[in-house]
Amino acid sequence: MKNEIHLRLMEPEDIEEIYDLENSSDLWRHTLSGGPRSRRMITDYVLNATGDMAVDCQARFVIEVEGNIVGAVDLTAYDAVHQRAELGIAVKSDYRRRGYAAAAIRQLLDYCRNTLLLHQVYALVLDDNNPSVSLFCKLGFQPCALLPQWYRTPDGFQDVQFFVFFL
């Protein structure tokens, strides 16, 4: 990867690009998001997020390369008692397979370990999403469960792999 990535919390000026990313139909199936997001939903999140995981129970970051947004990475389902959160990532199609997702996840894991003091981060990945399965395995996430027929797609129910990374 030639260009360094930078993670930062979302800003109001990012709303249009995040709107486009969230509404990229090729990502809906793989991100388990279930469909599009309205501009208002995204705007409300960006304007109202406090940046405090204890309050918001989530944090959404843009992945920037040389000032360009190439994707987003999220921590959701934050659980302070059990010290864990779910990780989700989406990279724009023009920027895939360039190492940006791996670099973003590594940075996010450092943040989870050193700032949030989490014990574990987990990810749910459709079993047939080979690029994501390979990415999480390469980064040291442990596949610990296969959830049969967990997620419904237009093609029927799909299995989901549950990955965990212990910090």
Foldseek 3Di string as FASTA:
>chain_A
DPWAKDKDFDAPVCLVVVQVQQQPVVCCVWQVPPHHDDSVVSNCCRVPPPPDCVVPVKTKIFIDTPRDGFWIKMWHNQDLVQQETEITITGPPVPPPPCSVLNVVVVVVCCSCPPVVGFKYKYKGFPPPVVVVVSCVVSPWAFDDKAQQPGQDPVGGTIITMTMDGD
